[in-house]
Amino acid sequence: MGRKSFKVEFDESPPDDFDPAHPYKDPVAMLEMREHLVREKWIDIETAKILREKLRWCYRVEGINHLQKCRHLVQQYLESTRGIGWGKDHRPHSLHGPKVESVEAE
């Protein structure tokens, strides 16, 4: 009697039924889209952490030659950290809706 192979599969694609023009039309699809975005954001953050650790190791090992030897890791790390944080102005509009500006009477 042998062991059965067990494979875990994750659905890594965004939901098919999400409509960005009308995000609140289907609340389940909206929540699935939000979870997908958060999952992708966490993957980006963890990738940047791994690259940072590789860069620290390279700096320690290479010593004075780190400027030449670790340049490729620096470029990868800088590219991986661009756009990681949403900040106030970088939230996905499909989830939070457009920014409503109040008009004051003069």
PDB file of N, CA and C in Angstrom:
ATOM      1  N   MET A   1       0.838  -1.171   0.000  1.00  0.00           N
ATOM      2  CA  MET A   1       0.000   0.000   0.000  1.00  0.00           C
ATOM      3  C   MET A   1       0.886   1.239   0.000  1.00  0.00           C
ATOM      4  N   GLY A   2       0.754   2.058  -1.013  1.00  0.00           N
ATOM      5  CA  GLY A   2       1.570   3.258  -1.134  1.00  0.00           C
ATOM      6  C   GLY A   2       0.810   4.490  -0.665  1.00  0.00           C
ATOM      7  N   ARG A   3       1.539   5.531  -0.519  1.00  0.00           N
ATOM      8  CA  ARG A   3       0.909   6.788  -0.108  1.00  0.00           C
ATOM      9  C   ARG A   3       0.252   7.454  -1.297  1.00  0.00           C
ATOM     10  N   LYS A   4      -0.858   8.073  -1.041  1.00  0.00           N
ATOM     11  CA  LYS A   4      -1.506   8.857  -2.077  1.00  0.00           C
ATOM     12  C   LYS A   4      -0.828  10.215  -2.146  1.00  0.00           C
ATOM     13  N   SER A   5      -0.639  10.684  -3.351  1.00  0.00           N
ATOM     14  CA  SER A   5      -0.047  12.014  -3.473  1.00  0.00           C
ATOM     15  C   SER A   5      -1.125  13.053  -3.199  1.00  0.00           C
ATOM     16  N   PHE A   6      -0.774  14.020  -2.400  1.00  0.00           N
ATOM     17  CA  PHE A   6      -1.712  15.065  -2.012  1.00  0.00           C
ATOM     18  C   PHE A   6      -1.163  16.390  -2.509  1.00  0.00           C
ATOM     19  N   LYS A   7      -1.929  17.055  -3.336  1.00  0.00           N
ATOM     20  CA  LYS A   7      -1.475  18.316  -3.906  1.00  0.00           C
ATOM     21  C   LYS A   7      -2.479  19.407  -3.559  1.00  0.00           C
ATOM     22  N   VAL A   8      -1.969  20.497  -3.031  1.00  0.00           N
ATOM     23  CA  VAL A   8      -2.810  21.631  -2.693  1.00  0.00           C
ATOM     24  C   VAL A   8      -2.738  22.635  -3.835  1.00  0.00           C
ATOM     25  N   GLU A   9      -3.880  23.058  -4.317  1.00  0.00           N
ATOM     26  CA  GLU A   9      -3.923  24.046  -5.394  1.00  0.00           C
ATOM     27  C   GLU A   9      -4.655  25.286  -4.907  1.00  0.00           C
ATOM     28  N   PHE A  10      -4.089  26.426  -5.219  1.00  0.00           N
ATOM     29  CA  PHE A  10      -4.687  27.692  -4.842  1.00  0.00           C
ATOM     30  C   PHE A  10      -5.167  28.420  -6.091  1.00  0.00           C
ATOM     31  N   ASP A  11      -6.288  29.054  -5.958  1.00  0.00           N
ATOM     32  CA  ASP A  11      -6.796  29.868  -7.054  1.00  0.00           C
ATOM     33  C   ASP A  11      -6.151  31.239  -6.936  1.00  0.00           C
ATOM     34  N   GLU A  12      -5.217  31.540  -7.824  1.00  0.00           N
ATOM     35  CA  GLU A  12      -4.456  32.782  -7.743  1.00  0.00           C
ATOM     36  C   GLU A  12      -4.975  33.868  -8.659  1.00  0.00           C
ATOM     37  N   SER A  13      -6.058  33.613  -9.338  1.00  0.00           N
ATOM     38  CA  SER A  13      -6.579  34.604 -10.276  1.00  0.00           C
ATOM     39  C   SER A  13      -7.670  35.434  -9.606  1.00  0.00           C
ATOM     40  N   PRO A  14      -7.885  36.653 -10.086  1.00  0.00           N
ATOM     41  CA  PRO A  14      -8.973  37.466  -9.527  1.00  0.00           C
ATOM     42  C   PRO A  14     -10.318  36.861  -9.919  1.00  0.00           C
ATOM     43  N   PRO A  15     -11.362  37.200  -9.191  1.00  0.00           N
ATOM     44  CA  PRO A  15     -12.679  36.639  -9.519  1.00  0.00           C
ATOM     45  C   PRO A  15     -13.142  37.072 -10.903  1.00  0.00           C
ATOM     46  N   ASP A  16     -13.785  36.155 -11.594  1.00  0.00           N
ATOM     47  CA  ASP A  16     -14.235  36.428 -12.961  1.00  0.00           C
ATOM     48  C   ASP A  16     -15.457  37.326 -13.007  1.00  0.00           C
ATOM     49  N   ASP A  17     -16.293  37.268 -11.972  1.00  0.00           N
ATOM     50  CA  ASP A  17     -17.564  37.997 -12.015  1.00  0.00           C
ATOM     51  C   ASP A  17     -17.495  39.377 -11.369  1.00  0.00           C
ATOM     52  N   PHE A  18     -16.293  39.889 -11.092  1.00  0.00           N
ATOM     53  CA  PHE A  18     -16.164  41.228 -10.505  1.00  0.00           C
ATOM     54  C   PHE A  18     -16.246  42.278 -11.601  1.00  0.00           C
ATOM     55  N   ASP A  19     -17.103  43.264 -11.397  1.00  0.00           N
ATOM     56  CA  ASP A  19     -17.283  44.348 -12.369  1.00  0.00           C
ATOM     57  C   ASP A  19     -16.723  45.625 -11.763  1.00  0.00           C
ATOM     58  N   PRO A  20     -15.566  46.140 -12.247  1.00  0.00           N
ATOM     59  CA  PRO A  20     -14.983  47.347 -11.656  1.00  0.00           C
ATOM     60  C   PRO A  20     -15.854  48.585 -11.830  1.00  0.00           C
ATOM     61  N   ALA A  21     -16.707  48.599 -12.850  1.00  0.00           N
ATOM     62  CA  ALA A  21     -17.582  49.757 -13.054  1.00  0.00           C
ATOM     63  C   ALA A  21     -18.667  49.820 -11.982  1.00  0.00           C
ATOM     64  N   HIS A  22     -19.112  48.658 -11.498  1.00  0.00           N
ATOM     65  CA  HIS A  22     -20.148  48.582 -10.457  1.00  0.00           C
ATOM     66  C   HIS A  22     -19.667  47.612  -9.372  1.00  0.00           C
ATOM     67  N   PRO A  23     -18.735  48.056  -8.512  1.00  0.00           N
ATOM     68  CA  PRO A  23     -18.130  47.119  -7.554  1.00  0.00           C
ATOM     69  C   PRO A  23     -19.106  46.609  -6.494  1.00  0.00           C
ATOM     70  N   TYR A  24     -20.132  47.369  -6.157  1.00  0.00           N
ATOM     71  CA  TYR A  24     -21.047  46.961  -5.096  1.00  0.00           C
ATOM     72  C   TYR A  24     -22.223  46.142  -5.629  1.00  0.00           C
ATOM     73  N   LYS A  25     -22.222  45.854  -6.898  1.00  0.00           N
ATOM     74  CA  LYS A  25     -23.305  45.075  -7.498  1.00  0.00           C
ATOM     75  C   LYS A  25     -23.314  43.656  -6.936  1.00  0.00           C
ATOM     76  N   ASP A  26     -22.148  43.040  -6.846  1.00  0.00           N
ATOM     77  CA  ASP A  26     -22.012  41.690  -6.303  1.00  0.00           C
ATOM     78  C   ASP A  26     -21.069  41.747  -5.103  1.00  0.00           C
ATOM     79  N   PRO A  27     -21.612  41.760  -3.876  1.00  0.00           N
ATOM     80  CA  PRO A  27     -20.748  41.911  -2.701  1.00  0.00           C
ATOM     81  C   PRO A  27     -19.763  40.757  -2.508  1.00  0.00           C
ATOM     82  N   VAL A  28     -20.151  39.559  -2.900  1.00  0.00           N
ATOM     83  CA  VAL A  28     -19.247  38.418  -2.752  1.00  0.00           C
ATOM     84  C   VAL A  28     -18.044  38.580  -3.681  1.00  0.00           C
ATOM     85  N   ALA A  29     -18.296  38.980  -4.933  1.00  0.00           N
ATOM     86  CA  ALA A  29     -17.198  39.196  -5.878  1.00  0.00           C
ATOM     87  C   ALA A  29     -16.312  40.351  -5.420  1.00  0.00           C
ATOM     88  N   MET A  30     -16.914  41.376  -4.814  1.00  0.00           N
ATOM     89  CA  MET A  30     -16.123  42.502  -4.324  1.00  0.00           C
ATOM     90  C   MET A  30     -15.183  42.045  -3.201  1.00  0.00           C
ATOM     91  N   LEU A  31     -15.690  41.230  -2.279  1.00  0.00           N
ATOM     92  CA  LEU A  31     -14.841  40.740  -1.195  1.00  0.00           C
ATOM     93  C   LEU A  31     -13.758  39.804  -1.723  1.00  0.00           C
ATOM     94  N   GLU A  32     -14.093  38.980  -2.713  1.00  0.00           N
ATOM     95  CA  GLU A  32     -13.081  38.111  -3.307  1.00  0.00           C
ATOM     96  C   GLU A  32     -12.000  38.932  -4.008  1.00  0.00           C
ATOM     97  N   MET A  33     -12.391  40.015  -4.654  1.00  0.00           N
ATOM     98  CA  MET A  33     -11.414  40.884  -5.314  1.00  0.00           C
ATOM     99  C   MET A  33     -10.532  41.571  -4.283  1.00  0.00           C
ATOM    100  N   ARG A  34     -11.123  42.015  -3.188  1.00  0.00           N
ATOM    101  CA  ARG A  34     -10.337  42.644  -2.123  1.00  0.00           C
ATOM    102  C   ARG A  34      -9.334  41.654  -1.545  1.00  0.00           C
ATOM    103  N   GLU A  35      -9.783  40.408  -1.299  1.00  0.00           N
ATOM    104  CA  GLU A  35      -8.872  39.387  -0.790  1.00  0.00           C
ATOM    105  C   GLU A  35      -7.757  39.094  -1.781  1.00  0.00           C
ATOM    106  N   HIS A  36      -8.083  39.092  -3.062  1.00  0.00           N
ATOM    107  CA  HIS A  36      -7.063  38.866  -4.086  1.00  0.00           C
ATOM    108  C   HIS A  36      -6.023  39.982  -4.062  1.00  0.00           C
ATOM    109  N   LEU A  37      -6.471  41.239  -3.963  1.00  0.00           N
ATOM    110  CA  LEU A  37      -5.534  42.360  -3.933  1.00  0.00           C
ATOM    111  C   LEU A  37      -4.647  42.318  -2.695  1.00  0.00           C
ATOM    112  N   VAL A  38      -5.235  41.980  -1.552  1.00  0.00           N
ATOM    113  CA  VAL A  38      -4.452  41.911  -0.315  1.00  0.00           C
ATOM    114  C   VAL A  38      -3.438  40.774  -0.404  1.00  0.00           C
ATOM    115  N   ARG A  39      -3.858  39.646  -0.956  1.00  0.00           N
ATOM    116  CA  ARG A  39      -2.952  38.508  -1.118  1.00  0.00           C
ATOM    117  C   ARG A  39      -1.779  38.872  -2.018  1.00  0.00           C
ATOM    118  N   GLU A  40      -2.048  39.538  -3.124  1.00  0.00           N
ATOM    119  CA  GLU A  40      -0.977  39.955  -4.030  1.00  0.00           C
ATOM    120  C   GLU A  40      -0.047  40.965  -3.360  1.00  0.00           C
ATOM    121  N   LYS A  41      -0.615  41.859  -2.558  1.00  0.00           N
ATOM    122  CA  LYS A  41       0.195  42.851  -1.855  1.00  0.00           C
ATOM    123  C   LYS A  41       1.128  42.161  -0.855  1.00  0.00           C
ATOM    124  N   TRP A  42       0.619  41.151  -0.133  1.00  0.00           N
ATOM    125  CA  TRP A  42       1.453  40.422   0.825  1.00  0.00           C
ATOM    126  C   TRP A  42       2.559  39.640   0.122  1.00  0.00           C
ATOM    127  N   ILE A  43       2.269  39.107  -1.049  1.00  0.00           N
ATOM    128  CA  ILE A  43       3.303  38.409  -1.821  1.00  0.00           C
ATOM    129  C   ILE A  43       4.412  39.385  -2.202  1.00  0.00           C
ATOM    130  N   ASP A  44       4.031  40.593  -2.618  1.00  0.00           N
ATOM    131  CA  ASP A  44       5.037  41.614  -2.962  1.00  0.00           C
ATOM    132  C   ASP A  44       5.875  42.003  -1.754  1.00  0.00           C
ATOM    133  N   ILE A  45       5.235  42.130  -0.601  1.00  0.00           N
ATOM    134  CA  ILE A  45       5.960  42.504   0.619  1.00  0.00           C
ATOM    135  C   ILE A  45       6.943  41.414   1.010  1.00  0.00           C
ATOM    136  N   GLU A  46       6.513  40.163   0.974  1.00  0.00           N
ATOM    137  CA  GLU A  46       7.400  39.063   1.351  1.00  0.00           C
ATOM    138  C   GLU A  46       8.548  38.901   0.358  1.00  0.00           C
ATOM    139  N   THR A  47       8.298  39.151  -0.914  1.00  0.00           N
ATOM    140  CA  THR A  47       9.364  39.108  -1.914  1.00  0.00           C
ATOM    141  C   THR A  47      10.417  40.169  -1.609  1.00  0.00           C
ATOM    142  N   ALA A  48       9.960  41.366  -1.244  1.00  0.00           N
ATOM    143  CA  ALA A  48      10.900  42.435  -0.896  1.00  0.00           C
ATOM    144  C   ALA A  48      11.705  42.073   0.350  1.00  0.00           C
ATOM    145  N   LYS A  49      11.084  41.414   1.321  1.00  0.00           N
ATOM    146  CA  LYS A  49      11.803  40.996   2.527  1.00  0.00           C
ATOM    147  C   LYS A  49      12.885  39.978   2.203  1.00  0.00           C
ATOM    148  N   ILE A  50      12.573  39.039   1.317  1.00  0.00           N
ATOM    149  CA  ILE A  50      13.558  38.028   0.929  1.00  0.00           C
ATOM    150  C   ILE A  50      14.732  38.679   0.213  1.00  0.00           C
ATOM    151  N   LEU A  51      14.428  39.611  -0.697  1.00  0.00           N
ATOM    152  CA  LEU A  51      15.505  40.313  -1.402  1.00  0.00           C
ATOM    153  C   LEU A  51      16.353  41.147  -0.441  1.00  0.00           C
ATOM    154  N   ARG A  52      15.717  41.739   0.571  1.00  0.00           N
ATOM    155  CA  ARG A  52      16.465  42.529   1.549  1.00  0.00           C
ATOM    156  C   ARG A  52      17.434  41.646   2.329  1.00  0.00           C
ATOM    157  N   GLU A  53      16.984  40.444   2.706  1.00  0.00           N
ATOM    158  CA  GLU A  53      17.871  39.532   3.421  1.00  0.00           C
ATOM    159  C   GLU A  53      19.037  39.081   2.540  1.00  0.00           C
ATOM    160  N   LYS A  54      18.768  38.807   1.260  1.00  0.00           N
ATOM    161  CA  LYS A  54      19.848  38.444   0.336  1.00  0.00           C
ATOM    162  C   LYS A  54      20.835  39.594   0.185  1.00  0.00           C
ATOM    163  N   LEU A  55      20.324  40.818   0.163  1.00  0.00           N
ATOM    164  CA  LEU A  55      21.188  41.994   0.034  1.00  0.00           C
ATOM    165  C   LEU A  55      22.054  42.173   1.277  1.00  0.00           C
ATOM    166  N   ARG A  56      21.484  41.964   2.453  1.00  0.00           N
ATOM    167  CA  ARG A  56      22.286  42.047   3.690  1.00  0.00           C
ATOM    168  C   ARG A  56      23.408  41.005   3.682  1.00  0.00           C
ATOM    169  N   TRP A  57      23.055  39.786   3.258  1.00  0.00           N
ATOM    170  CA  TRP A  57      24.049  38.725   3.206  1.00  0.00           C
ATOM    171  C   TRP A  57      25.161  39.089   2.218  1.00  0.00           C
ATOM    172  N   CYS A  58      24.778  39.616   1.072  1.00  0.00           N
ATOM    173  CA  CYS A  58      25.764  39.998   0.055  1.00  0.00           C
ATOM    174  C   CYS A  58      26.683  41.099   0.587  1.00  0.00           C
ATOM    175  N   TYR A  59      26.134  42.088   1.276  1.00  0.00           N
ATOM    176  CA  TYR A  59      26.957  43.165   1.843  1.00  0.00           C
ATOM    177  C   TYR A  59      27.972  42.605   2.831  1.00  0.00           C
ATOM    178  N   ARG A  60      27.516  41.661   3.686  1.00  0.00           N
ATOM    179  CA  ARG A  60      28.420  41.092   4.677  1.00  0.00           C
ATOM    180  C   ARG A  60      29.524  40.265   4.024  1.00  0.00           C
ATOM    181  N   VAL A  61      29.174  39.461   3.039  1.00  0.00           N
ATOM    182  CA  VAL A  61      30.138  38.565   2.420  1.00  0.00           C
ATOM    183  C   VAL A  61      31.124  39.323   1.543  1.00  0.00           C
ATOM    184  N   GLU A  62      30.629  40.263   0.752  1.00  0.00           N
ATOM    185  CA  GLU A  62      31.485  40.939  -0.219  1.00  0.00           C
ATOM    186  C   GLU A  62      32.345  42.029   0.390  1.00  0.00           C
ATOM    187  N   GLY A  63      31.937  42.564   1.517  1.00  0.00           N
ATOM    188  CA  GLY A  63      32.758  43.572   2.182  1.00  0.00           C
ATOM    189  C   GLY A  63      32.919  44.828   1.346  1.00  0.00           C
ATOM    190  N   ILE A  64      34.162  45.207   1.063  1.00  0.00           N
ATOM    191  CA  ILE A  64      34.434  46.456   0.364  1.00  0.00           C
ATOM    192  C   ILE A  64      33.982  46.427  -1.094  1.00  0.00           C
ATOM    193  N   ASN A  65      33.838  45.258  -1.666  1.00  0.00           N
ATOM    194  CA  ASN A  65      33.442  45.133  -3.068  1.00  0.00           C
ATOM    195  C   ASN A  65      31.919  45.064  -3.242  1.00  0.00           C
ATOM    196  N   HIS A  66      31.186  45.388  -2.215  1.00  0.00           N
ATOM    197  CA  HIS A  66      29.728  45.240  -2.298  1.00  0.00           C
ATOM    198  C   HIS A  66      29.100  46.164  -3.333  1.00  0.00           C
ATOM    199  N   LEU A  67      29.736  47.285  -3.639  1.00  0.00           N
ATOM    200  CA  LEU A  67      29.156  48.200  -4.620  1.00  0.00           C
ATOM    201  C   LEU A  67      29.060  47.573  -5.999  1.00  0.00           C
ATOM    202  N   GLN A  68      30.055  46.782  -6.380  1.00  0.00           N
ATOM    203  CA  GLN A  68      30.023  46.131  -7.689  1.00  0.00           C
ATOM    204  C   GLN A  68      29.298  44.790  -7.637  1.00  0.00           C
ATOM    205  N   LYS A  69      29.548  44.006  -6.597  1.00  0.00           N
ATOM    206  CA  LYS A  69      29.048  42.633  -6.542  1.00  0.00           C
ATOM    207  C   LYS A  69      27.559  42.544  -6.199  1.00  0.00           C
ATOM    208  N   CYS A  70      27.034  43.521  -5.489  1.00  0.00           N
ATOM    209  CA  CYS A  70      25.644  43.442  -5.030  1.00  0.00           C
ATOM    210  C   CYS A  70      24.725  44.398  -5.789  1.00  0.00           C
ATOM    211  N   ARG A  71      25.231  45.008  -6.844  1.00  0.00           N
ATOM    212  CA  ARG A  71      24.443  45.995  -7.585  1.00  0.00           C
ATOM    213  C   ARG A  71      23.142  45.401  -8.123  1.00  0.00           C
ATOM    214  N   HIS A  72      23.190  44.170  -8.639  1.00  0.00           N
ATOM    215  CA  HIS A  72      21.985  43.554  -9.191  1.00  0.00           C
ATOM    216  C   HIS A  72      20.920  43.325  -8.113  1.00  0.00           C
ATOM    217  N   LEU A  73      21.356  42.989  -6.887  1.00  0.00           N
ATOM    218  CA  LEU A  73      20.393  42.814  -5.789  1.00  0.00           C
ATOM    219  C   LEU A  73      19.784  44.144  -5.366  1.00  0.00           C
ATOM    220  N   VAL A  74      20.586  45.204  -5.402  1.00  0.00           N
ATOM    221  CA  VAL A  74      20.062  46.531  -5.065  1.00  0.00           C
ATOM    222  C   VAL A  74      18.980  46.941  -6.056  1.00  0.00           C
ATOM    223  N   GLN A  75      19.237  46.709  -7.347  1.00  0.00           N
ATOM    224  CA  GLN A  75      18.242  47.056  -8.369  1.00  0.00           C
ATOM    225  C   GLN A  75      16.969  46.239  -8.194  1.00  0.00           C
ATOM    226  N   GLN A  76      17.102  44.936  -7.923  1.00  0.00           N
ATOM    227  CA  GLN A  76      15.928  44.095  -7.711  1.00  0.00           C
ATOM    228  C   GLN A  76      15.139  44.548  -6.487  1.00  0.00           C
ATOM    229  N   TYR A  77      15.867  44.878  -5.412  1.00  0.00           N
ATOM    230  CA  TYR A  77      15.198  45.308  -4.189  1.00  0.00           C
ATOM    231  C   TYR A  77      14.458  46.631  -4.393  1.00  0.00           C
ATOM    232  N   LEU A  78      15.093  47.583  -5.073  1.00  0.00           N
ATOM    233  CA  LEU A  78      14.438  48.865  -5.327  1.00  0.00           C
ATOM    234  C   LEU A  78      13.204  48.694  -6.202  1.00  0.00           C
ATOM    235  N   GLU A  79      13.284  47.835  -7.208  1.00  0.00           N
ATOM    236  CA  GLU A  79      12.127  47.584  -8.068  1.00  0.00           C
ATOM    237  C   GLU A  79      11.000  46.894  -7.290  1.00  0.00           C
ATOM    238  N   SER A  80      11.366  46.003  -6.377  1.00  0.00           N
ATOM    239  CA  SER A  80      10.340  45.279  -5.635  1.00  0.00           C
ATOM    240  C   SER A  80       9.654  46.166  -4.596  1.00  0.00           C
ATOM    241  N   THR A  81      10.324  47.225  -4.134  1.00  0.00           N
ATOM    242  CA  THR A  81       9.705  48.089  -3.123  1.00  0.00           C
ATOM    243  C   THR A  81       8.901  49.226  -3.716  1.00  0.00           C
ATOM    244  N   ARG A  82       8.998  49.460  -5.002  1.00  0.00           N
ATOM    245  CA  ARG A  82       8.211  50.532  -5.622  1.00  0.00           C
ATOM    246  C   ARG A  82       6.746  50.138  -5.659  1.00  0.00           C
ATOM    247  N   GLY A  83       5.900  50.983  -5.110  1.00  0.00           N
ATOM    248  CA  GLY A  83       4.462  50.755  -5.188  1.00  0.00           C
ATOM    249  C   GLY A  83       3.925  49.713  -4.235  1.00  0.00           C
ATOM    250  N   ILE A  84       4.701  49.317  -3.211  1.00  0.00           N
ATOM    251  CA  ILE A  84       4.187  48.314  -2.280  1.00  0.00           C
ATOM    252  C   ILE A  84       3.098  48.914  -1.402  1.00  0.00           C
ATOM    253  N   GLY A  85       3.336  50.079  -0.807  1.00  0.00           N
ATOM    254  CA  GLY A  85       2.332  50.683   0.058  1.00  0.00           C
ATOM    255  C   GLY A  85       1.282  51.404  -0.755  1.00  0.00           C
ATOM    256  N   TRP A  86       0.036  51.263  -0.350  1.00  0.00           N
ATOM    257  CA  TRP A  86      -1.024  51.949  -1.072  1.00  0.00           C
ATOM    258  C   TRP A  86      -1.053  53.418  -0.726  1.00  0.00           C
ATOM    259  N   GLY A  87      -0.914  53.715   0.534  1.00  0.00           N
ATOM    260  CA  GLY A  87      -1.017  55.102   0.952  1.00  0.00           C
ATOM    261  C   GLY A  87      -2.430  55.614   0.757  1.00  0.00           C
ATOM    262  N   LYS A  88      -2.635  56.845   1.057  1.00  0.00           N
ATOM    263  CA  LYS A  88      -3.980  57.407   0.969  1.00  0.00           C
ATOM    264  C   LYS A  88      -4.427  57.571  -0.478  1.00  0.00           C
ATOM    265  N   ASP A  89      -3.531  57.965  -1.357  1.00  0.00           N
ATOM    266  CA  ASP A  89      -3.925  58.261  -2.731  1.00  0.00           C
ATOM    267  C   ASP A  89      -3.777  57.070  -3.670  1.00  0.00           C
ATOM    268  N   HIS A  90      -3.231  55.961  -3.202  1.00  0.00           N
ATOM    269  CA  HIS A  90      -2.979  54.839  -4.089  1.00  0.00           C
ATOM    270  C   HIS A  90      -3.904  53.659  -3.831  1.00  0.00           C
ATOM    271  N   ARG A  91      -5.013  53.879  -3.127  1.00  0.00           N
ATOM    272  CA  ARG A  91      -5.949  52.785  -2.917  1.00  0.00           C
ATOM    273  C   ARG A  91      -6.622  52.441  -4.235  1.00  0.00           C
ATOM    274  N   PRO A  92      -6.990  51.186  -4.417  1.00  0.00           N
ATOM    275  CA  PRO A  92      -7.720  50.847  -5.637  1.00  0.00           C
ATOM    276  C   PRO A  92      -9.104  51.488  -5.620  1.00  0.00           C
ATOM    277  N   HIS A  93      -9.407  52.279  -6.610  1.00  0.00           N
ATOM    278  CA  HIS A  93     -10.694  52.964  -6.663  1.00  0.00           C
ATOM    279  C   HIS A  93     -11.850  51.992  -6.812  1.00  0.00           C
ATOM    280  N   SER A  94     -11.591  50.823  -7.376  1.00  0.00           N
ATOM    281  CA  SER A  94     -12.664  49.857  -7.569  1.00  0.00           C
ATOM    282  C   SER A  94     -13.213  49.352  -6.240  1.00  0.00           C
ATOM    283  N   LEU A  95     -12.422  49.420  -5.177  1.00  0.00           N
ATOM    284  CA  LEU A  95     -12.905  48.950  -3.890  1.00  0.00           C
ATOM    285  C   LEU A  95     -13.465  50.073  -3.028  1.00  0.00           C
ATOM    286  N   HIS A  96     -12.899  51.263  -3.115  1.00  0.00           N
ATOM    287  CA  HIS A  96     -13.287  52.342  -2.225  1.00  0.00           C
ATOM    288  C   HIS A  96     -14.128  53.411  -2.895  1.00  0.00           C
ATOM    289  N   GLY A  97     -14.314  53.300  -4.172  1.00  0.00           N
ATOM    290  CA  GLY A  97     -15.104  54.295  -4.877  1.00  0.00           C
ATOM    291  C   GLY A  97     -14.291  55.540  -5.181  1.00  0.00           C
ATOM    292  N   PRO A  98     -14.785  56.375  -6.057  1.00  0.00           N
ATOM    293  CA  PRO A  98     -14.037  57.587  -6.396  1.00  0.00           C
ATOM    294  C   PRO A  98     -14.064  58.581  -5.238  1.00  0.00           C
ATOM    295  N   LYS A  99     -13.065  59.426  -5.202  1.00  0.00           N
ATOM    296  CA  LYS A  99     -12.972  60.442  -4.158  1.00  0.00           C
ATOM    297  C   LYS A  99     -14.033  61.507  -4.423  1.00  0.00           C
ATOM    298  N   VAL A 100     -14.846  61.767  -3.421  1.00  0.00           N
ATOM    299  CA  VAL A 100     -15.906  62.762  -3.556  1.00  0.00           C
ATOM    300  C   VAL A 100     -15.418  64.046  -2.921  1.00  0.00           C
ATOM    301  N   GLU A 101     -15.397  65.107  -3.703  1.00  0.00           N
ATOM    302  CA  GLU A 101     -14.944  66.386  -3.192  1.00  0.00           C
ATOM    303  C   GLU A 101     -16.167  67.240  -2.910  1.00  0.00           C
ATOM    304  N   SER A 102     -16.170  67.864  -1.759  1.00  0.00           N
ATOM    305  CA  SER A 102     -17.308  68.693  -1.399  1.00  0.00           C
ATOM    306  C   SER A 102     -17.153  70.066  -2.070  1.00  0.00           C
ATOM    307  N   VAL A 103     -18.267  70.591  -2.517  1.00  0.00           N
ATOM    308  CA  VAL A 103     -18.288  71.901  -3.147  1.00  0.00           C
ATOM    309  C   VAL A 103     -18.867  72.880  -2.145  1.00  0.00           C
ATOM    310  N   GLU A 104     -18.085  73.880  -1.776  1.00  0.00           N
ATOM    311  CA  GLU A 104     -18.537  74.859  -0.801  1.00  0.00           C
ATOM    312  C   GLU A 104     -19.218  76.030  -1.537  1.00  0.00           C
ATOM    313  N   ALA A 105     -20.294  76.505  -0.943  1.00  0.00           N
ATOM    314  CA  ALA A 105     -21.004  77.660  -1.533  1.00  0.00           C
ATOM    315  C   ALA A 105     -20.229  78.935  -1.218  1.00  0.00           C
ATOM    316  N   GLU A 106     -20.143  79.794  -2.190  1.00  0.00           N
ATOM    317  CA  GLU A 106     -19.400  81.044  -1.993  1.00  0.00           C
ATOM    318  C   GLU A 106     -20.307  82.167  -1.578  1.00  0.00           C
TER     319      GLU A 106
END
